[in-house]
Amino acid sequence: MKQALLFTLLLLLCVSGAWAQRTRKTEYESGTLEKGNKVGVWEYYAYTRDGTQVIAQKYDHSKNQLIYFRPIEDRVYRIKEGDNWTSGRVDQPPLFLGGDALLGTFMSRLNYPGEAQAKKIQGKVIITFLVDTLGRATDHQVLLGIGGGCNEEALRVAKSIPQQWIPARRGSRAVPVVYEMPFTFRMQTQ
């Protein structure tokens, strides 16, 4: 009788633990949720031009630590060092936690302004913002605009992106950099 009671208690503990933790996998990410929060190592995916799924990032949510990122093009950033701004390369670029595929879902929330549609304005708006050493995006500005309400719409969407940035790094130090984000406004052809 004692063994049956012990076995039942152990089974209940295992079952309740299974409810508290579950695995989630989508086209953009996979990992473990515990009480609705991401825990442990999560993988974030991107897609190559031929449609192959690849790992873009691995991030340990329990330790708040980037484990792996898929290198992207080598580019020059405006970097703040002390009170001065310089241009240069970084060892790790600023990354959106979840990768470019997840970032794209936020960027696709553009509403084509009526004024731009009426005037048949198309093109690319570039928004810049500072990604600081804590991964916060601030100081959003229009670097290149096309008018017709598109600049304001791109700025609105850029500011609405969640604060899920991993700061750029030079060596072992996080450094603030200016990030450029393009938004494309294109008329639908019928």
C-alpha atoms as a PDB file:
ATOM      1  CA  MET A   1       0.000   0.000   0.000  1.00  0.00           C
ATOM      2  CA  LYS A   2       2.809   2.371   0.903  1.00  0.00           C
ATOM      3  CA  GLN A   3       4.563   1.692  -2.421  1.00  0.00           C
ATOM      4  CA  ALA A   4       1.361   2.347  -4.390  1.00  0.00           C
ATOM      5  CA  LEU A   5       0.868   5.665  -2.592  1.00  0.00           C
ATOM      6  CA  LEU A   6       4.497   6.652  -3.216  1.00  0.00           C
ATOM      7  CA  PHE A   7       4.185   5.661  -6.901  1.00  0.00           C
ATOM      8  CA  THR A   8       0.977   7.729  -7.280  1.00  0.00           C
ATOM      9  CA  LEU A   9       2.599  10.752  -5.638  1.00  0.00           C
ATOM     10  CA  LEU A  10       5.643  10.448  -7.908  1.00  0.00           C
ATOM     11  CA  LEU A  11       3.410  10.130 -10.975  1.00  0.00           C
ATOM     12  CA  LEU A  12       1.471  13.270  -9.970  1.00  0.00           C
ATOM     13  CA  LEU A  13       4.701  15.218  -9.565  1.00  0.00           C
ATOM     14  CA  CYS A  14       5.874  14.141 -13.021  1.00  0.00           C
ATOM     15  CA  VAL A  15       2.558  15.026 -14.640  1.00  0.00           C
ATOM     16  CA  SER A  16       2.371  18.452 -12.970  1.00  0.00           C
ATOM     17  CA  GLY A  17       5.933  19.158 -14.121  1.00  0.00           C
ATOM     18  CA  ALA A  18       4.943  18.266 -17.684  1.00  0.00           C
ATOM     19  CA  TRP A  19       2.147  20.839 -17.556  1.00  0.00           C
ATOM     20  CA  ALA A  20       4.515  23.528 -16.302  1.00  0.00           C
ATOM     21  CA  GLN A  21       7.020  22.893 -19.103  1.00  0.00           C
ATOM     22  CA  ARG A  22       6.305  22.410 -22.774  1.00  0.00           C
ATOM     23  CA  THR A  23       8.180  22.532 -26.039  1.00  0.00           C
ATOM     24  CA  ARG A  24       7.208  25.037 -28.713  1.00  0.00           C
ATOM     25  CA  LYS A  25       8.272  24.908 -32.351  1.00  0.00           C
ATOM     26  CA  THR A  26       7.222  27.339 -35.070  1.00  0.00           C
ATOM     27  CA  GLU A  27       8.701  28.248 -38.432  1.00  0.00           C
ATOM     28  CA  TYR A  28      10.806  30.916 -36.653  1.00  0.00           C
ATOM     29  CA  GLU A  29      11.802  29.370 -33.312  1.00  0.00           C
ATOM     30  CA  SER A  30      11.916  26.306 -31.084  1.00  0.00           C
ATOM     31  CA  GLY A  31      12.554  25.810 -27.405  1.00  0.00           C
ATOM     32  CA  THR A  32      11.027  25.182 -23.998  1.00  0.00           C
ATOM     33  CA  LEU A  33       8.402  27.266 -22.240  1.00  0.00           C
ATOM     34  CA  GLU A  34       8.008  27.128 -18.487  1.00  0.00           C
ATOM     35  CA  LYS A  35       4.942  28.881 -17.077  1.00  0.00           C
ATOM     36  CA  GLY A  36       4.726  30.866 -20.330  1.00  0.00           C
ATOM     37  CA  ASN A  37       8.340  32.076 -20.251  1.00  0.00           C
ATOM     38  CA  LYS A  38      11.176  30.994 -22.539  1.00  0.00           C
ATOM     39  CA  VAL A  39      13.791  28.954 -20.663  1.00  0.00           C
ATOM     40  CA  GLY A  40      16.954  27.181 -21.679  1.00  0.00           C
ATOM     41  CA  VAL A  41      18.458  27.289 -25.148  1.00  0.00           C
ATOM     42  CA  TRP A  42      16.192  28.387 -27.983  1.00  0.00           C
ATOM     43  CA  GLU A  43      16.960  28.126 -31.683  1.00  0.00           C
ATOM     44  CA  TYR A  44      15.815  30.847 -34.076  1.00  0.00           C
ATOM     45  CA  TYR A  45      15.560  30.119 -37.783  1.00  0.00           C
ATOM     46  CA  ALA A  46      16.069  31.931 -41.063  1.00  0.00           C
ATOM     47  CA  TYR A  47      15.569  30.801 -44.627  1.00  0.00           C
ATOM     48  CA  THR A  48      18.099  30.841 -47.437  1.00  0.00           C
ATOM     49  CA  ARG A  49      17.181  32.048 -50.917  1.00  0.00           C
ATOM     50  CA  ASP A  50      16.369  28.490 -51.962  1.00  0.00           C
ATOM     51  CA  GLY A  51      13.987  28.070 -49.007  1.00  0.00           C
ATOM     52  CA  THR A  52      16.229  25.937 -46.801  1.00  0.00           C
ATOM     53  CA  GLN A  53      15.703  26.484 -43.078  1.00  0.00           C
ATOM     54  CA  VAL A  54      18.942  27.332 -41.210  1.00  0.00           C
ATOM     55  CA  ILE A  55      19.707  28.239 -37.606  1.00  0.00           C
ATOM     56  CA  ALA A  56      20.202  32.006 -37.384  1.00  0.00           C
ATOM     57  CA  GLN A  57      20.662  32.229 -33.601  1.00  0.00           C
ATOM     58  CA  LYS A  58      20.897  30.144 -30.465  1.00  0.00           C
ATOM     59  CA  TYR A  59      20.086  32.028 -27.292  1.00  0.00           C
ATOM     60  CA  ASP A  60      20.072  30.788 -23.701  1.00  0.00           C
ATOM     61  CA  HIS A  61      17.092  32.515 -22.085  1.00  0.00           C
ATOM     62  CA  SER A  62      17.963  31.156 -18.635  1.00  0.00           C
ATOM     63  CA  LYS A  63      21.386  32.847 -18.747  1.00  0.00           C
ATOM     64  CA  ASN A  64      20.411  35.767 -21.067  1.00  0.00           C
ATOM     65  CA  GLN A  65      23.331  34.830 -23.292  1.00  0.00           C
ATOM     66  CA  LEU A  66      23.817  34.580 -27.040  1.00  0.00           C
ATOM     67  CA  ILE A  67      25.420  31.224 -27.841  1.00  0.00           C
ATOM     68  CA  TYR A  68      25.545  31.361 -31.629  1.00  0.00           C
ATOM     69  CA  PHE A  69      24.641  33.678 -34.480  1.00  0.00           C
ATOM     70  CA  ARG A  70      24.869  33.023 -38.180  1.00  0.00           C
ATOM     71  CA  PRO A  71      27.290  35.573 -39.599  1.00  0.00           C
ATOM     72  CA  ILE A  72      25.754  38.074 -41.958  1.00  0.00           C
ATOM     73  CA  GLU A  73      27.397  40.447 -44.378  1.00  0.00           C
ATOM     74  CA  ASP A  74      30.405  42.375 -43.161  1.00  0.00           C
ATOM     75  CA  ARG A  75      29.378  45.990 -42.743  1.00  0.00           C
ATOM     76  CA  VAL A  76      30.549  49.212 -41.251  1.00  0.00           C
ATOM     77  CA  TYR A  77      28.577  50.760 -38.375  1.00  0.00           C
ATOM     78  CA  ARG A  78      28.646  54.140 -36.680  1.00  0.00           C
ATOM     79  CA  ILE A  79      29.990  53.255 -33.239  1.00  0.00           C
ATOM     80  CA  LYS A  80      29.962  55.412 -30.125  1.00  0.00           C
ATOM     81  CA  GLU A  81      33.210  55.180 -28.178  1.00  0.00           C
ATOM     82  CA  GLY A  82      33.225  57.447 -25.169  1.00  0.00           C
ATOM     83  CA  ASP A  83      31.906  60.807 -26.372  1.00  0.00           C
ATOM     84  CA  ASN A  84      33.036  60.276 -29.976  1.00  0.00           C
ATOM     85  CA  TRP A  85      31.420  58.593 -32.961  1.00  0.00           C
ATOM     86  CA  THR A  86      33.582  56.568 -35.329  1.00  0.00           C
ATOM     87  CA  SER A  87      32.916  54.268 -38.247  1.00  0.00           C
ATOM     88  CA  GLY A  88      34.121  50.708 -38.090  1.00  0.00           C
ATOM     89  CA  ARG A  89      33.415  47.025 -37.983  1.00  0.00           C
ATOM     90  CA  VAL A  90      32.206  45.046 -35.002  1.00  0.00           C
ATOM     91  CA  ASP A  91      32.898  41.439 -33.999  1.00  0.00           C
ATOM     92  CA  GLN A  92      29.190  40.809 -33.429  1.00  0.00           C
ATOM     93  CA  PRO A  93      26.581  43.019 -35.093  1.00  0.00           C
ATOM     94  CA  PRO A  94      23.482  44.210 -33.262  1.00  0.00           C
ATOM     95  CA  LEU A  95      20.997  41.351 -33.532  1.00  0.00           C
ATOM     96  CA  PHE A  96      17.258  41.160 -33.095  1.00  0.00           C
ATOM     97  CA  LEU A  97      16.562  38.308 -30.705  1.00  0.00           C
ATOM     98  CA  GLY A  98      14.722  35.796 -32.847  1.00  0.00           C
ATOM     99  CA  GLY A  99      16.519  36.648 -36.080  1.00  0.00           C
ATOM    100  CA  ASP A 100      15.681  38.524 -39.231  1.00  0.00           C
ATOM    101  CA  ALA A 101      12.701  36.296 -40.049  1.00  0.00           C
ATOM    102  CA  LEU A 102      10.959  37.304 -36.806  1.00  0.00           C
ATOM    103  CA  LEU A 103      12.039  40.930 -37.275  1.00  0.00           C
ATOM    104  CA  GLY A 104      10.459  40.813 -40.735  1.00  0.00           C
ATOM    105  CA  THR A 105       7.071  39.959 -39.235  1.00  0.00           C
ATOM    106  CA  PHE A 106       7.131  43.288 -37.359  1.00  0.00           C
ATOM    107  CA  MET A 107       8.440  45.205 -40.363  1.00  0.00           C
ATOM    108  CA  SER A 108       5.629  43.831 -42.535  1.00  0.00           C
ATOM    109  CA  ARG A 109       3.056  45.694 -40.440  1.00  0.00           C
ATOM    110  CA  LEU A 110       3.365  48.734 -42.689  1.00  0.00           C
ATOM    111  CA  ASN A 111       0.154  50.437 -43.744  1.00  0.00           C
ATOM    112  CA  TYR A 112       0.563  52.090 -47.137  1.00  0.00           C
ATOM    113  CA  PRO A 113      -0.462  55.735 -46.563  1.00  0.00           C
ATOM    114  CA  GLY A 114      -3.432  56.939 -48.625  1.00  0.00           C
ATOM    115  CA  GLU A 115      -1.551  60.064 -49.716  1.00  0.00           C
ATOM    116  CA  ALA A 116       1.334  57.951 -51.059  1.00  0.00           C
ATOM    117  CA  GLN A 117      -1.094  55.680 -52.895  1.00  0.00           C
ATOM    118  CA  ALA A 118      -2.924  58.626 -54.442  1.00  0.00           C
ATOM    119  CA  LYS A 119       0.366  60.168 -55.625  1.00  0.00           C
ATOM    120  CA  LYS A 120       1.759  56.732 -56.625  1.00  0.00           C
ATOM    121  CA  ILE A 121       4.791  57.233 -54.357  1.00  0.00           C
ATOM    122  CA  GLN A 122       6.993  54.154 -54.093  1.00  0.00           C
ATOM    123  CA  GLY A 123      10.465  53.518 -52.784  1.00  0.00           C
ATOM    124  CA  LYS A 124      12.572  52.813 -49.752  1.00  0.00           C
ATOM    125  CA  VAL A 125      12.554  54.631 -46.427  1.00  0.00           C
ATOM    126  CA  ILE A 126      15.582  54.085 -44.184  1.00  0.00           C
ATOM    127  CA  ILE A 127      15.129  54.508 -40.446  1.00  0.00           C
ATOM    128  CA  THR A 128      18.134  54.698 -38.128  1.00  0.00           C
ATOM    129  CA  PHE A 129      18.207  54.139 -34.408  1.00  0.00           C
ATOM    130  CA  LEU A 130      20.775  53.602 -31.689  1.00  0.00           C
ATOM    131  CA  VAL A 131      21.085  50.101 -30.215  1.00  0.00           C
ATOM    132  CA  ASP A 132      22.748  50.759 -26.867  1.00  0.00           C
ATOM    133  CA  THR A 133      24.895  48.458 -24.717  1.00  0.00           C
ATOM    134  CA  LEU A 134      21.783  47.080 -22.985  1.00  0.00           C
ATOM    135  CA  GLY A 135      20.079  46.236 -26.280  1.00  0.00           C
ATOM    136  CA  ARG A 136      17.583  49.105 -26.188  1.00  0.00           C
ATOM    137  CA  ALA A 137      16.615  50.845 -29.442  1.00  0.00           C
ATOM    138  CA  THR A 138      16.340  54.635 -29.077  1.00  0.00           C
ATOM    139  CA  ASP A 139      16.653  57.862 -31.056  1.00  0.00           C
ATOM    140  CA  HIS A 140      14.704  56.691 -34.131  1.00  0.00           C
ATOM    141  CA  GLN A 141      15.161  58.996 -37.130  1.00  0.00           C
ATOM    142  CA  VAL A 142      14.428  59.060 -40.852  1.00  0.00           C
ATOM    143  CA  LEU A 143      17.745  58.847 -42.721  1.00  0.00           C
ATOM    144  CA  LEU A 144      16.246  58.592 -46.213  1.00  0.00           C
ATOM    145  CA  GLY A 145      12.617  59.349 -46.947  1.00  0.00           C
ATOM    146  CA  ILE A 146      10.191  59.434 -49.847  1.00  0.00           C
ATOM    147  CA  GLY A 147       7.322  61.527 -48.442  1.00  0.00           C
ATOM    148  CA  GLY A 148       3.594  61.004 -48.826  1.00  0.00           C
ATOM    149  CA  GLY A 149       3.266  59.793 -45.234  1.00  0.00           C
ATOM    150  CA  CYS A 150       5.655  56.866 -45.834  1.00  0.00           C
ATOM    151  CA  ASN A 151       8.396  58.340 -43.632  1.00  0.00           C
ATOM    152  CA  GLU A 152       6.023  58.674 -40.669  1.00  0.00           C
ATOM    153  CA  GLU A 153       4.623  55.177 -41.210  1.00  0.00           C
ATOM    154  CA  ALA A 154       8.091  53.587 -41.342  1.00  0.00           C
ATOM    155  CA  LEU A 155       9.054  55.494 -38.188  1.00  0.00           C
ATOM    156  CA  ARG A 156       5.870  54.309 -36.428  1.00  0.00           C
ATOM    157  CA  VAL A 157       6.565  50.673 -37.283  1.00  0.00           C
ATOM    158  CA  ALA A 158      10.267  50.900 -36.304  1.00  0.00           C
ATOM    159  CA  LYS A 159       9.327  52.330 -32.903  1.00  0.00           C
ATOM    160  CA  SER A 160       6.760  49.553 -32.364  1.00  0.00           C
ATOM    161  CA  ILE A 161       9.328  46.752 -32.713  1.00  0.00           C
ATOM    162  CA  PRO A 162       9.853  45.075 -29.308  1.00  0.00           C
ATOM    163  CA  GLN A 163      13.004  45.876 -27.346  1.00  0.00           C
ATOM    164  CA  GLN A 164      14.578  42.475 -28.082  1.00  0.00           C
ATOM    165  CA  TRP A 165      17.968  43.618 -29.339  1.00  0.00           C
ATOM    166  CA  ILE A 166      21.292  42.008 -28.535  1.00  0.00           C
ATOM    167  CA  PRO A 167      23.926  44.767 -28.521  1.00  0.00           C
ATOM    168  CA  ALA A 168      26.867  44.868 -30.903  1.00  0.00           C
ATOM    169  CA  ARG A 169      30.205  43.735 -29.512  1.00  0.00           C
ATOM    170  CA  ARG A 170      33.799  44.677 -30.125  1.00  0.00           C
ATOM    171  CA  GLY A 171      35.978  42.125 -28.457  1.00  0.00           C
ATOM    172  CA  SER A 172      34.373  41.380 -25.110  1.00  0.00           C
ATOM    173  CA  ARG A 173      32.647  44.785 -24.781  1.00  0.00           C
ATOM    174  CA  ALA A 174      29.139  45.737 -25.816  1.00  0.00           C
ATOM    175  CA  VAL A 175      29.219  48.933 -27.888  1.00  0.00           C
ATOM    176  CA  PRO A 176      26.419  51.294 -28.920  1.00  0.00           C
ATOM    177  CA  VAL A 177      25.911  51.431 -32.692  1.00  0.00           C
ATOM    178  CA  VAL A 178      23.563  53.069 -35.160  1.00  0.00           C
ATOM    179  CA  TYR A 179      21.415  50.499 -36.943  1.00  0.00           C
ATOM    180  CA  GLU A 180      19.853  51.198 -40.353  1.00  0.00           C
ATOM    181  CA  MET A 181      16.538  49.550 -41.153  1.00  0.00           C
ATOM    182  CA  PRO A 182      15.016  49.755 -44.657  1.00  0.00           C
ATOM    183  CA  PHE A 183      11.259  49.792 -45.300  1.00  0.00           C
ATOM    184  CA  THR A 184      10.042  49.298 -48.869  1.00  0.00           C
ATOM    185  CA  PHE A 185       6.800  50.836 -50.112  1.00  0.00           C
ATOM    186  CA  ARG A 186       5.676  49.269 -53.390  1.00  0.00           C
ATOM    187  CA  MET A 187       2.339  49.691 -55.169  1.00  0.00           C
ATOM    188  CA  GLN A 188       0.451  46.484 -55.857  1.00  0.00           C
ATOM    189  CA  THR A 189       0.137  45.786 -59.582  1.00  0.00           C
ATOM    190  CA  GLN A 190      -3.071  44.258 -60.857  1.00  0.00           C
END
